[in-house]
Amino acid sequence: MSENDVKFLEYVVKALVDVPDKVVITRTVDEMGVLLTLTVDNADMGKVIGRLGNTAKAIRTLLRVVGMKNNSRVNLKINEPEGSTRGEFVAGAARPEMKSSKTVDEAMADLKF
């Protein structure tokens, strides 16, 4: 089996991150295709995901092209690091301290509709 997809992903991700030694990629193959699971250092997650997920989307697109060249379907899963605070963020908020404490009804009342 060709593992060009792993080599490609490793090259791209290690070029993006500050701690390339902590980049771990596992490759599994099943009837759905190839699944690459990526784990990076906590501090490097933002670099791999990118603003609004654009870097991750671009990497996934490139991996699909690499997969088509090898007649396989390649998908990427990025492992969330331990201790992640992703669930504490509010959609659209740039920082966690920008959380809104108002309910939708309270916000609508403020608009005086």
PDB file of N, CA and C in Angstrom:
ATOM      1  N   MET A   1       0.828  -1.192   0.000  1.00  0.00           N
ATOM      2  CA  MET A   1       0.000   0.000   0.000  1.00  0.00           C
ATOM      3  C   MET A   1       0.867   1.248   0.000  1.00  0.00           C
ATOM      4  N   SER A   2       0.382   2.232  -0.713  1.00  0.00           N
ATOM      5  CA  SER A   2       1.098   3.497  -0.786  1.00  0.00           C
ATOM      6  C   SER A   2       0.793   4.323   0.458  1.00  0.00           C
ATOM      7  N   GLU A   3       1.818   4.874   1.030  1.00  0.00           N
ATOM      8  CA  GLU A   3       1.623   5.743   2.187  1.00  0.00           C
ATOM      9  C   GLU A   3       2.096   7.151   1.872  1.00  0.00           C
ATOM     10  N   ASN A   4       1.943   7.558   0.606  1.00  0.00           N
ATOM     11  CA  ASN A   4       2.302   8.912   0.211  1.00  0.00           C
ATOM     12  C   ASN A   4       1.462   9.945   0.949  1.00  0.00           C
ATOM     13  N   ASP A   5       0.224   9.565   1.300  1.00  0.00           N
ATOM     14  CA  ASP A   5      -0.649  10.486   2.015  1.00  0.00           C
ATOM     15  C   ASP A   5      -0.076  10.829   3.387  1.00  0.00           C
ATOM     16  N   VAL A   6       0.492   9.854   4.076  1.00  0.00           N
ATOM     17  CA  VAL A   6       1.092  10.099   5.396  1.00  0.00           C
ATOM     18  C   VAL A   6       2.326  10.981   5.254  1.00  0.00           C
ATOM     19  N   LYS A   7       3.155  10.684   4.266  1.00  0.00           N
ATOM     20  CA  LYS A   7       4.364  11.487   4.042  1.00  0.00           C
ATOM     21  C   LYS A   7       4.001  12.929   3.716  1.00  0.00           C
ATOM     22  N   PHE A   8       2.977  13.095   2.882  1.00  0.00           N
ATOM     23  CA  PHE A   8       2.540  14.440   2.517  1.00  0.00           C
ATOM     24  C   PHE A   8       2.027  15.202   3.736  1.00  0.00           C
ATOM     25  N   LEU A   9       1.141  14.565   4.509  1.00  0.00           N
ATOM     26  CA  LEU A   9       0.577  15.219   5.691  1.00  0.00           C
ATOM     27  C   LEU A   9       1.676  15.567   6.690  1.00  0.00           C
ATOM     28  N   GLU A  10       2.594  14.654   6.901  1.00  0.00           N
ATOM     29  CA  GLU A  10       3.682  14.895   7.839  1.00  0.00           C
ATOM     30  C   GLU A  10       4.529  16.090   7.394  1.00  0.00           C
ATOM     31  N   TYR A  11       4.827  16.162   6.115  1.00  0.00           N
ATOM     32  CA  TYR A  11       5.618  17.271   5.585  1.00  0.00           C
ATOM     33  C   TYR A  11       4.911  18.607   5.804  1.00  0.00           C
ATOM     34  N   VAL A  12       3.628  18.675   5.457  1.00  0.00           N
ATOM     35  CA  VAL A  12       2.871  19.926   5.574  1.00  0.00           C
ATOM     36  C   VAL A  12       2.730  20.349   7.030  1.00  0.00           C
ATOM     37  N   VAL A  13       2.328  19.417   7.900  1.00  0.00           N
ATOM     38  CA  VAL A  13       2.061  19.771   9.295  1.00  0.00           C
ATOM     39  C   VAL A  13       3.349  20.151  10.015  1.00  0.00           C
ATOM     40  N   LYS A  14       4.425  19.413   9.791  1.00  0.00           N
ATOM     41  CA  LYS A  14       5.688  19.738  10.460  1.00  0.00           C
ATOM     42  C   LYS A  14       6.220  21.095  10.025  1.00  0.00           C
ATOM     43  N   ALA A  15       5.885  21.530   8.816  1.00  0.00           N
ATOM     44  CA  ALA A  15       6.288  22.852   8.358  1.00  0.00           C
ATOM     45  C   ALA A  15       5.475  23.956   9.046  1.00  0.00           C
ATOM     46  N   LEU A  16       4.276  23.632   9.509  1.00  0.00           N
ATOM     47  CA  LEU A  16       3.395  24.621  10.142  1.00  0.00           C
ATOM     48  C   LEU A  16       3.647  24.813  11.636  1.00  0.00           C
ATOM     49  N   VAL A  17       3.979  23.737  12.338  1.00  0.00           N
ATOM     50  CA  VAL A  17       3.995  23.758  13.800  1.00  0.00           C
ATOM     51  C   VAL A  17       5.352  24.188  14.366  1.00  0.00           C
ATOM     52  N   ASP A  18       5.340  24.548  15.656  1.00  0.00           N
ATOM     53  CA  ASP A  18       6.565  24.918  16.365  1.00  0.00           C
ATOM     54  C   ASP A  18       7.259  23.718  16.986  1.00  0.00           C
ATOM     55  N   VAL A  19       6.492  22.667  17.287  1.00  0.00           N
ATOM     56  CA  VAL A  19       7.047  21.463  17.923  1.00  0.00           C
ATOM     57  C   VAL A  19       6.823  20.267  16.985  1.00  0.00           C
ATOM     58  N   PRO A  20       7.637  20.144  15.923  1.00  0.00           N
ATOM     59  CA  PRO A  20       7.418  19.060  14.960  1.00  0.00           C
ATOM     60  C   PRO A  20       7.640  17.665  15.525  1.00  0.00           C
ATOM     61  N   ASP A  21       8.386  17.557  16.631  1.00  0.00           N
ATOM     62  CA  ASP A  21       8.631  16.241  17.229  1.00  0.00           C
ATOM     63  C   ASP A  21       7.364  15.634  17.838  1.00  0.00           C
ATOM     64  N   LYS A  22       6.353  16.462  18.131  1.00  0.00           N
ATOM     65  CA  LYS A  22       5.123  15.956  18.743  1.00  0.00           C
ATOM     66  C   LYS A  22       4.025  15.663  17.719  1.00  0.00           C
ATOM     67  N   VAL A  23       4.348  15.746  16.430  1.00  0.00           N
ATOM     68  CA  VAL A  23       3.376  15.420  15.389  1.00  0.00           C
ATOM     69  C   VAL A  23       3.293  13.900  15.268  1.00  0.00           C
ATOM     70  N   VAL A  24       2.088  13.364  15.461  1.00  0.00           N
ATOM     71  CA  VAL A  24       1.861  11.925  15.362  1.00  0.00           C
ATOM     72  C   VAL A  24       0.722  11.696  14.367  1.00  0.00           C
ATOM     73  N   ILE A  25       0.967  10.834  13.393  1.00  0.00           N
ATOM     74  CA  ILE A  25      -0.045  10.519  12.389  1.00  0.00           C
ATOM     75  C   ILE A  25      -0.257   9.013  12.379  1.00  0.00           C
ATOM     76  N   THR A  26      -1.510   8.597  12.534  1.00  0.00           N
ATOM     77  CA  THR A  26      -1.830   7.178  12.413  1.00  0.00           C
ATOM     78  C   THR A  26      -2.702   7.003  11.181  1.00  0.00           C
ATOM     79  N   ARG A  27      -2.484   5.918  10.486  1.00  0.00           N
ATOM     80  CA  ARG A  27      -3.199   5.637   9.235  1.00  0.00           C
ATOM     81  C   ARG A  27      -3.975   4.337   9.387  1.00  0.00           C
ATOM     82  N   THR A  28      -5.285   4.401   9.139  1.00  0.00           N
ATOM     83  CA  THR A  28      -6.114   3.204   9.159  1.00  0.00           C
ATOM     84  C   THR A  28      -6.865   3.114   7.835  1.00  0.00           C
ATOM     85  N   VAL A  29      -7.036   1.899   7.358  1.00  0.00           N
ATOM     86  CA  VAL A  29      -7.732   1.659   6.095  1.00  0.00           C
ATOM     87  C   VAL A  29      -8.910   0.738   6.364  1.00  0.00           C
ATOM     88  N   ASP A  30     -10.071   1.110   5.839  1.00  0.00           N
ATOM     89  CA  ASP A  30     -11.248   0.254   5.927  1.00  0.00           C
ATOM     90  C   ASP A  30     -12.038   0.375   4.636  1.00  0.00           C
ATOM     91  N   GLU A  31     -13.262  -0.120   4.635  1.00  0.00           N
ATOM     92  CA  GLU A  31     -14.067  -0.090   3.417  1.00  0.00           C
ATOM     93  C   GLU A  31     -14.441   1.324   2.983  1.00  0.00           C
ATOM     94  N   MET A  32     -14.370   2.283   3.898  1.00  0.00           N
ATOM     95  CA  MET A  32     -14.694   3.676   3.576  1.00  0.00           C
ATOM     96  C   MET A  32     -13.508   4.425   2.974  1.00  0.00           C
ATOM     97  N   GLY A  33     -12.319   3.887   3.092  1.00  0.00           N
ATOM     98  CA  GLY A  33     -11.130   4.535   2.565  1.00  0.00           C
ATOM     99  C   GLY A  33     -10.047   4.623   3.624  1.00  0.00           C
ATOM    100  N   VAL A  34      -9.227   5.655   3.499  1.00  0.00           N
ATOM    101  CA  VAL A  34      -8.098   5.870   4.399  1.00  0.00           C
ATOM    102  C   VAL A  34      -8.467   6.960   5.393  1.00  0.00           C
ATOM    103  N   LEU A  35      -8.201   6.707   6.660  1.00  0.00           N
ATOM    104  CA  LEU A  35      -8.400   7.713   7.696  1.00  0.00           C
ATOM    105  C   LEU A  35      -7.046   8.030   8.307  1.00  0.00           C
ATOM    106  N   LEU A  36      -6.653   9.299   8.201  1.00  0.00           N
ATOM    107  CA  LEU A  36      -5.430   9.768   8.843  1.00  0.00           C
ATOM    108  C   LEU A  36      -5.833  10.524  10.096  1.00  0.00           C
ATOM    109  N   THR A  37      -5.276  10.121  11.224  1.00  0.00           N
ATOM    110  CA  THR A  37      -5.566  10.778  12.496  1.00  0.00           C
ATOM    111  C   THR A  37      -4.326  11.543  12.908  1.00  0.00           C
ATOM    112  N   LEU A  38      -4.500  12.839  13.117  1.00  0.00           N
ATOM    113  CA  LEU A  38      -3.388  13.738  13.417  1.00  0.00           C
ATOM    114  C   LEU A  38      -3.448  14.200  14.867  1.00  0.00           C
ATOM    115  N   THR A  39      -2.322  14.109  15.541  1.00  0.00           N
ATOM    116  CA  THR A  39      -2.186  14.624  16.901  1.00  0.00           C
ATOM    117  C   THR A  39      -0.981  15.547  16.920  1.00  0.00           C
ATOM    118  N   VAL A  40      -1.176  16.757  17.465  1.00  0.00           N
ATOM    119  CA  VAL A  40      -0.080  17.722  17.578  1.00  0.00           C
ATOM    120  C   VAL A  40      -0.040  18.268  19.001  1.00  0.00           C
ATOM    121  N   ASP A  41       0.998  19.015  19.305  1.00  0.00           N
ATOM    122  CA  ASP A  41       1.145  19.651  20.615  1.00  0.00           C
ATOM    123  C   ASP A  41      -0.003  20.646  20.820  1.00  0.00           C
ATOM    124  N   ASN A  42      -0.452  20.785  22.056  1.00  0.00           N
ATOM    125  CA  ASN A  42      -1.561  21.701  22.365  1.00  0.00           C
ATOM    126  C   ASN A  42      -1.330  23.104  21.823  1.00  0.00           C
ATOM    127  N   ALA A  43      -0.113  23.599  21.949  1.00  0.00           N
ATOM    128  CA  ALA A  43       0.193  24.964  21.519  1.00  0.00           C
ATOM    129  C   ALA A  43       0.117  25.118  20.004  1.00  0.00           C
ATOM    130  N   ASP A  44       0.200  24.036  19.272  1.00  0.00           N
ATOM    131  CA  ASP A  44       0.205  24.101  17.811  1.00  0.00           C
ATOM    132  C   ASP A  44      -1.165  23.877  17.181  1.00  0.00           C
ATOM    133  N   MET A  45      -2.185  23.611  17.975  1.00  0.00           N
ATOM    134  CA  MET A  45      -3.512  23.337  17.417  1.00  0.00           C
ATOM    135  C   MET A  45      -4.028  24.496  16.570  1.00  0.00           C
ATOM    136  N   GLY A  46      -3.825  25.702  17.027  1.00  0.00           N
ATOM    137  CA  GLY A  46      -4.295  26.873  16.282  1.00  0.00           C
ATOM    138  C   GLY A  46      -3.645  26.995  14.919  1.00  0.00           C
ATOM    139  N   LYS A  47      -2.393  26.626  14.832  1.00  0.00           N
ATOM    140  CA  LYS A  47      -1.688  26.692  13.558  1.00  0.00           C
ATOM    141  C   LYS A  47      -2.218  25.658  12.573  1.00  0.00           C
ATOM    142  N   VAL A  48      -2.584  24.493  13.076  1.00  0.00           N
ATOM    143  CA  VAL A  48      -3.080  23.420  12.212  1.00  0.00           C
ATOM    144  C   VAL A  48      -4.526  23.683  11.799  1.00  0.00           C
ATOM    145  N   ILE A  49      -5.337  24.191  12.710  1.00  0.00           N
ATOM    146  CA  ILE A  49      -6.739  24.463  12.415  1.00  0.00           C
ATOM    147  C   ILE A  49      -6.874  25.729  11.576  1.00  0.00           C
ATOM    148  N   GLY A  50      -6.184  26.783  11.963  1.00  0.00           N
ATOM    149  CA  GLY A  50      -6.267  28.042  11.233  1.00  0.00           C
ATOM    150  C   GLY A  50      -7.498  28.840  11.609  1.00  0.00           C
ATOM    151  N   ARG A  51      -7.537  30.056  11.124  1.00  0.00           N
ATOM    152  CA  ARG A  51      -8.669  30.934  11.408  1.00  0.00           C
ATOM    153  C   ARG A  51      -9.921  30.383  10.745  1.00  0.00           C
ATOM    154  N   LEU A  52     -10.947  30.182  11.536  1.00  0.00           N
ATOM    155  CA  LEU A  52     -12.228  29.620  11.089  1.00  0.00           C
ATOM    156  C   LEU A  52     -12.072  28.245  10.439  1.00  0.00           C
ATOM    157  N   GLY A  53     -10.973  27.550  10.751  1.00  0.00           N
ATOM    158  CA  GLY A  53     -10.766  26.212  10.221  1.00  0.00           C
ATOM    159  C   GLY A  53     -10.266  26.162   8.791  1.00  0.00           C
ATOM    160  N   ASN A  54      -9.848  27.305   8.262  1.00  0.00           N
ATOM    161  CA  ASN A  54      -9.452  27.352   6.856  1.00  0.00           C
ATOM    162  C   ASN A  54      -8.200  26.542   6.547  1.00  0.00           C
ATOM    163  N   THR A  55      -7.234  26.516   7.457  1.00  0.00           N
ATOM    164  CA  THR A  55      -6.021  25.729   7.214  1.00  0.00           C
ATOM    165  C   THR A  55      -6.353  24.243   7.192  1.00  0.00           C
ATOM    166  N   ALA A  56      -7.157  23.794   8.134  1.00  0.00           N
ATOM    167  CA  ALA A  56      -7.556  22.381   8.171  1.00  0.00           C
ATOM    168  C   ALA A  56      -8.337  22.005   6.916  1.00  0.00           C
ATOM    169  N   LYS A  57      -9.230  22.887   6.462  1.00  0.00           N
ATOM    170  CA  LYS A  57      -9.993  22.619   5.236  1.00  0.00           C
ATOM    171  C   LYS A  57      -9.057  22.485   4.043  1.00  0.00           C
ATOM    172  N   ALA A  58      -8.065  23.357   3.961  1.00  0.00           N
ATOM    173  CA  ALA A  58      -7.120  23.310   2.847  1.00  0.00           C
ATOM    174  C   ALA A  58      -6.308  22.015   2.872  1.00  0.00           C
ATOM    175  N   ILE A  59      -5.871  21.613   4.047  1.00  0.00           N
ATOM    176  CA  ILE A  59      -5.107  20.363   4.172  1.00  0.00           C
ATOM    177  C   ILE A  59      -5.983  19.186   3.750  1.00  0.00           C
ATOM    178  N   ARG A  60      -7.241  19.174   4.180  1.00  0.00           N
ATOM    179  CA  ARG A  60      -8.154  18.085   3.809  1.00  0.00           C
ATOM    180  C   ARG A  60      -8.364  18.038   2.293  1.00  0.00           C
ATOM    181  N   THR A  61      -8.493  19.201   1.670  1.00  0.00           N
ATOM    182  CA  THR A  61      -8.661  19.255   0.219  1.00  0.00           C
ATOM    183  C   THR A  61      -7.444  18.681  -0.495  1.00  0.00           C
ATOM    184  N   LEU A  62      -6.263  19.076  -0.053  1.00  0.00           N
ATOM    185  CA  LEU A  62      -5.037  18.563  -0.661  1.00  0.00           C
ATOM    186  C   LEU A  62      -4.899  17.057  -0.454  1.00  0.00           C
ATOM    187  N   LEU A  63      -5.304  16.569   0.714  1.00  0.00           N
ATOM    188  CA  LEU A  63      -5.244  15.134   0.969  1.00  0.00           C
ATOM    189  C   LEU A  63      -6.193  14.361   0.049  1.00  0.00           C
ATOM    190  N   ARG A  64      -7.343  14.944  -0.262  1.00  0.00           N
ATOM    191  CA  ARG A  64      -8.260  14.284  -1.194  1.00  0.00           C
ATOM    192  C   ARG A  64      -7.631  14.179  -2.577  1.00  0.00           C
ATOM    193  N   VAL A  65      -6.889  15.214  -2.989  1.00  0.00           N
ATOM    194  CA  VAL A  65      -6.201  15.187  -4.282  1.00  0.00           C
ATOM    195  C   VAL A  65      -5.127  14.104  -4.280  1.00  0.00           C
ATOM    196  N   VAL A  66      -4.361  14.028  -3.191  1.00  0.00           N
ATOM    197  CA  VAL A  66      -3.348  12.980  -3.070  1.00  0.00           C
ATOM    198  C   VAL A  66      -4.018  11.612  -3.123  1.00  0.00           C
ATOM    199  N   GLY A  67      -5.158  11.466  -2.475  1.00  0.00           N
ATOM    200  CA  GLY A  67      -5.886  10.208  -2.486  1.00  0.00           C
ATOM    201  C   GLY A  67      -6.388   9.838  -3.873  1.00  0.00           C
ATOM    202  N   MET A  68      -6.896  10.822  -4.608  1.00  0.00           N
ATOM    203  CA  MET A  68      -7.381  10.541  -5.963  1.00  0.00           C
ATOM    204  C   MET A  68      -6.244  10.046  -6.854  1.00  0.00           C
ATOM    205  N   LYS A  69      -5.077  10.592  -6.658  1.00  0.00           N
ATOM    206  CA  LYS A  69      -3.918  10.160  -7.441  1.00  0.00           C
ATOM    207  C   LYS A  69      -3.590   8.692  -7.157  1.00  0.00           C
ATOM    208  N   ASN A  70      -3.875   8.242  -5.941  1.00  0.00           N
ATOM    209  CA  ASN A  70      -3.597   6.857  -5.536  1.00  0.00           C
ATOM    210  C   ASN A  70      -4.849   5.990  -5.530  1.00  0.00           C
ATOM    211  N   ASN A  71      -5.934   6.481  -6.153  1.00  0.00           N
ATOM    212  CA  ASN A  71      -7.205   5.752  -6.233  1.00  0.00           C
ATOM    213  C   ASN A  71      -7.750   5.363  -4.865  1.00  0.00           C
ATOM    214  N   SER A  72      -7.721   6.289  -3.930  1.00  0.00           N
ATOM    215  CA  SER A  72      -8.290   6.038  -2.606  1.00  0.00           C
ATOM    216  C   SER A  72      -8.941   7.304  -2.075  1.00  0.00           C
ATOM    217  N   ARG A  73      -9.812   7.129  -1.115  1.00  0.00           N
ATOM    218  CA  ARG A  73     -10.468   8.269  -0.466  1.00  0.00           C
ATOM    219  C   ARG A  73      -9.755   8.505   0.854  1.00  0.00           C
ATOM    220  N   VAL A  74      -9.227   9.716   1.031  1.00  0.00           N
ATOM    221  CA  VAL A  74      -8.451  10.035   2.228  1.00  0.00           C
ATOM    222  C   VAL A  74      -9.208  11.066   3.056  1.00  0.00           C
ATOM    223  N   ASN A  75      -9.397  10.774   4.331  1.00  0.00           N
ATOM    224  CA  ASN A  75     -10.035  11.700   5.268  1.00  0.00           C
ATOM    225  C   ASN A  75      -9.065  12.005   6.397  1.00  0.00           C
ATOM    226  N   LEU A  76      -9.220  13.182   6.973  1.00  0.00           N
ATOM    227  CA  LEU A  76      -8.345  13.624   8.065  1.00  0.00           C
ATOM    228  C   LEU A  76      -9.164  13.900   9.312  1.00  0.00           C
ATOM    229  N   LYS A  77      -8.719  13.327  10.417  1.00  0.00           N
ATOM    230  CA  LYS A  77      -9.302  13.608  11.731  1.00  0.00           C
ATOM    231  C   LYS A  77      -8.209  14.246  12.564  1.00  0.00           C
ATOM    232  N   ILE A  78      -8.514  15.378  13.168  1.00  0.00           N
ATOM    233  CA  ILE A  78      -7.545  16.061  14.021  1.00  0.00           C
ATOM    234  C   ILE A  78      -7.981  15.851  15.460  1.00  0.00           C
ATOM    235  N   ASN A  79      -7.139  15.167  16.235  1.00  0.00           N
ATOM    236  CA  ASN A  79      -7.467  14.892  17.639  1.00  0.00           C
ATOM    237  C   ASN A  79      -7.435  16.165  18.453  1.00  0.00           C
ATOM    238  N   GLU A  80      -8.461  16.326  19.269  1.00  0.00           N
ATOM    239  CA  GLU A  80      -8.510  17.459  20.188  1.00  0.00           C
ATOM    240  C   GLU A  80      -7.612  17.137  21.374  1.00  0.00           C
ATOM    241  N   PRO A  81      -6.737  18.065  21.762  1.00  0.00           N
ATOM    242  CA  PRO A  81      -5.811  17.788  22.863  1.00  0.00           C
ATOM    243  C   PRO A  81      -6.519  17.713  24.207  1.00  0.00           C
ATOM    244  N   GLU A  82      -5.884  17.003  25.139  1.00  0.00           N
ATOM    245  CA  GLU A  82      -6.421  16.923  26.497  1.00  0.00           C
ATOM    246  C   GLU A  82      -6.429  18.312  27.117  1.00  0.00           C
ATOM    247  N   GLY A  83      -7.447  18.581  27.897  1.00  0.00           N
ATOM    248  CA  GLY A  83      -7.531  19.875  28.569  1.00  0.00           C
ATOM    249  C   GLY A  83      -7.998  20.988  27.659  1.00  0.00           C
ATOM    250  N   SER A  84      -8.541  20.638  26.507  1.00  0.00           N
ATOM    251  CA  SER A  84      -9.005  21.650  25.565  1.00  0.00           C
ATOM    252  C   SER A  84     -10.184  22.408  26.158  1.00  0.00           C
ATOM    253  N   THR A  85     -10.254  23.694  25.841  1.00  0.00           N
ATOM    254  CA  THR A  85     -11.361  24.522  26.324  1.00  0.00           C
ATOM    255  C   THR A  85     -12.293  24.889  25.186  1.00  0.00           C
ATOM    256  N   ARG A  86     -12.246  24.126  24.099  1.00  0.00           N
ATOM    257  CA  ARG A  86     -13.051  24.446  22.929  1.00  0.00           C
ATOM    258  C   ARG A  86     -14.523  24.533  23.265  1.00  0.00           C
ATOM    259  N   GLY A  87     -15.025  23.668  24.108  1.00  0.00           N
ATOM    260  CA  GLY A  87     -16.430  23.669  24.464  1.00  0.00           C
ATOM    261  C   GLY A  87     -16.859  24.891  25.254  1.00  0.00           C
ATOM    262  N   GLU A  88     -15.914  25.630  25.798  1.00  0.00           N
ATOM    263  CA  GLU A  88     -16.228  26.810  26.592  1.00  0.00           C
ATOM    264  C   GLU A  88     -16.359  28.068  25.740  1.00  0.00           C
ATOM    265  N   PHE A  89     -15.977  28.011  24.480  1.00  0.00           N
ATOM    266  CA  PHE A  89     -16.029  29.177  23.619  1.00  0.00           C
ATOM    267  C   PHE A  89     -17.433  29.368  23.075  1.00  0.00           C
ATOM    268  N   VAL A  90     -17.757  30.597  22.792  1.00  0.00           N
ATOM    269  CA  VAL A  90     -19.033  30.927  22.183  1.00  0.00           C
ATOM    270  C   VAL A  90     -18.781  31.140  20.701  1.00  0.00           C
ATOM    271  N   ALA A  91     -19.654  30.620  19.874  1.00  0.00           N
ATOM    272  CA  ALA A  91     -19.475  30.773  18.429  1.00  0.00           C
ATOM    273  C   ALA A  91     -19.362  32.243  18.069  1.00  0.00           C
ATOM    274  N   GLY A  92     -18.350  32.574  17.300  1.00  0.00           N
ATOM    275  CA  GLY A  92     -18.149  33.950  16.878  1.00  0.00           C
ATOM    276  C   GLY A  92     -17.325  34.779  17.842  1.00  0.00           C
ATOM    277  N   ALA A  93     -17.109  34.311  19.049  1.00  0.00           N
ATOM    278  CA  ALA A  93     -16.317  35.069  20.013  1.00  0.00           C
ATOM    279  C   ALA A  93     -14.839  34.812  19.762  1.00  0.00           C
ATOM    280  N   ALA A  94     -14.058  35.884  19.797  1.00  0.00           N
ATOM    281  CA  ALA A  94     -12.627  35.746  19.535  1.00  0.00           C
ATOM    282  C   ALA A  94     -11.888  35.203  20.748  1.00  0.00           C
ATOM    283  N   ARG A  95     -12.391  35.527  21.933  1.00  0.00           N
ATOM    284  CA  ARG A  95     -11.726  35.078  23.157  1.00  0.00           C
ATOM    285  C   ARG A  95     -12.780  34.573  24.130  1.00  0.00           C
ATOM    286  N   PRO A  96     -12.396  33.611  24.999  1.00  0.00           N
ATOM    287  CA  PRO A  96     -13.390  33.069  25.928  1.00  0.00           C
ATOM    288  C   PRO A  96     -13.966  34.103  26.873  1.00  0.00           C
ATOM    289  N   GLU A  97     -13.202  35.148  27.195  1.00  0.00           N
ATOM    290  CA  GLU A  97     -13.737  36.145  28.124  1.00  0.00           C
ATOM    291  C   GLU A  97     -14.824  36.996  27.480  1.00  0.00           C
ATOM    292  N   MET A  98     -15.068  36.817  26.181  1.00  0.00           N
ATOM    293  CA  MET A  98     -16.095  37.566  25.476  1.00  0.00           C
ATOM    294  C   MET A  98     -17.437  36.834  25.495  1.00  0.00           C
ATOM    295  N   LYS A  99     -17.582  35.802  26.330  1.00  0.00           N
ATOM    296  CA  LYS A  99     -18.822  35.049  26.406  1.00  0.00           C
ATOM    297  C   LYS A  99     -19.974  35.972  26.774  1.00  0.00           C
ATOM    298  N   SER A 100     -21.115  35.705  26.157  1.00  0.00           N
ATOM    299  CA  SER A 100     -22.310  36.454  26.492  1.00  0.00           C
ATOM    300  C   SER A 100     -23.031  35.735  27.620  1.00  0.00           C
ATOM    301  N   SER A 101     -23.480  36.494  28.609  1.00  0.00           N
ATOM    302  CA  SER A 101     -24.194  35.874  29.715  1.00  0.00           C
ATOM    303  C   SER A 101     -25.699  36.065  29.571  1.00  0.00           C
ATOM    304  N   LYS A 102     -26.129  36.721  28.483  1.00  0.00           N
ATOM    305  CA  LYS A 102     -27.551  36.955  28.271  1.00  0.00           C
ATOM    306  C   LYS A 102     -28.180  35.817  27.494  1.00  0.00           C
ATOM    307  N   THR A 103     -29.462  35.591  27.771  1.00  0.00           N
ATOM    308  CA  THR A 103     -30.215  34.633  26.975  1.00  0.00           C
ATOM    309  C   THR A 103     -30.698  35.335  25.710  1.00  0.00           C
ATOM    310  N   VAL A 104     -31.224  34.587  24.783  1.00  0.00           N
ATOM    311  CA  VAL A 104     -31.753  35.165  23.555  1.00  0.00           C
ATOM    312  C   VAL A 104     -32.893  36.133  23.867  1.00  0.00           C
ATOM    313  N   ASP A 105     -33.762  35.749  24.804  1.00  0.00           N
ATOM    314  CA  ASP A 105     -34.891  36.617  25.175  1.00  0.00           C
ATOM    315  C   ASP A 105     -34.403  37.943  25.754  1.00  0.00           C
ATOM    316  N   GLU A 106     -33.367  37.890  26.585  1.00  0.00           N
ATOM    317  CA  GLU A 106     -32.819  39.120  27.165  1.00  0.00           C
ATOM    318  C   GLU A 106     -32.200  40.000  26.094  1.00  0.00           C
ATOM    319  N   ALA A 107     -31.513  39.390  25.154  1.00  0.00           N
ATOM    320  CA  ALA A 107     -30.898  40.153  24.079  1.00  0.00           C
ATOM    321  C   ALA A 107     -31.971  40.807  23.192  1.00  0.00           C
ATOM    322  N   MET A 108     -33.064  40.073  22.926  1.00  0.00           N
ATOM    323  CA  MET A 108     -34.166  40.630  22.133  1.00  0.00           C
ATOM    324  C   MET A 108     -34.837  41.788  22.871  1.00  0.00           C
ATOM    325  N   ALA A 109     -34.960  41.657  24.197  1.00  0.00           N
ATOM    326  CA  ALA A 109     -35.558  42.739  24.988  1.00  0.00           C
ATOM    327  C   ALA A 109     -34.687  43.978  24.920  1.00  0.00           C
ATOM    328  N   ASP A 110     -33.369  43.816  24.882  1.00  0.00           N
ATOM    329  CA  ASP A 110     -32.452  44.953  24.771  1.00  0.00           C
ATOM    330  C   ASP A 110     -32.624  45.673  23.435  1.00  0.00           C
ATOM    331  N   LEU A 111     -33.019  44.947  22.405  1.00  0.00           N
ATOM    332  CA  LEU A 111     -33.211  45.551  21.094  1.00  0.00           C
ATOM    333  C   LEU A 111     -34.521  46.310  21.006  1.00  0.00           C
ATOM    334  N   LYS A 112     -35.403  46.104  21.978  1.00  0.00           N
ATOM    335  CA  LYS A 112     -36.694  46.798  22.093  1.00  0.00           C
ATOM    336  C   LYS A 112     -37.583  46.606  20.868  1.00  0.00           C
ATOM    337  N   PHE A 113     -37.729  45.334  20.471  1.00  0.00           N
ATOM    338  CA  PHE A 113     -38.645  45.021  19.373  1.00  0.00           C
ATOM    339  C   PHE A 113     -40.036  44.934  19.868  1.00  0.00           C
TER     340      PHE A 113
END
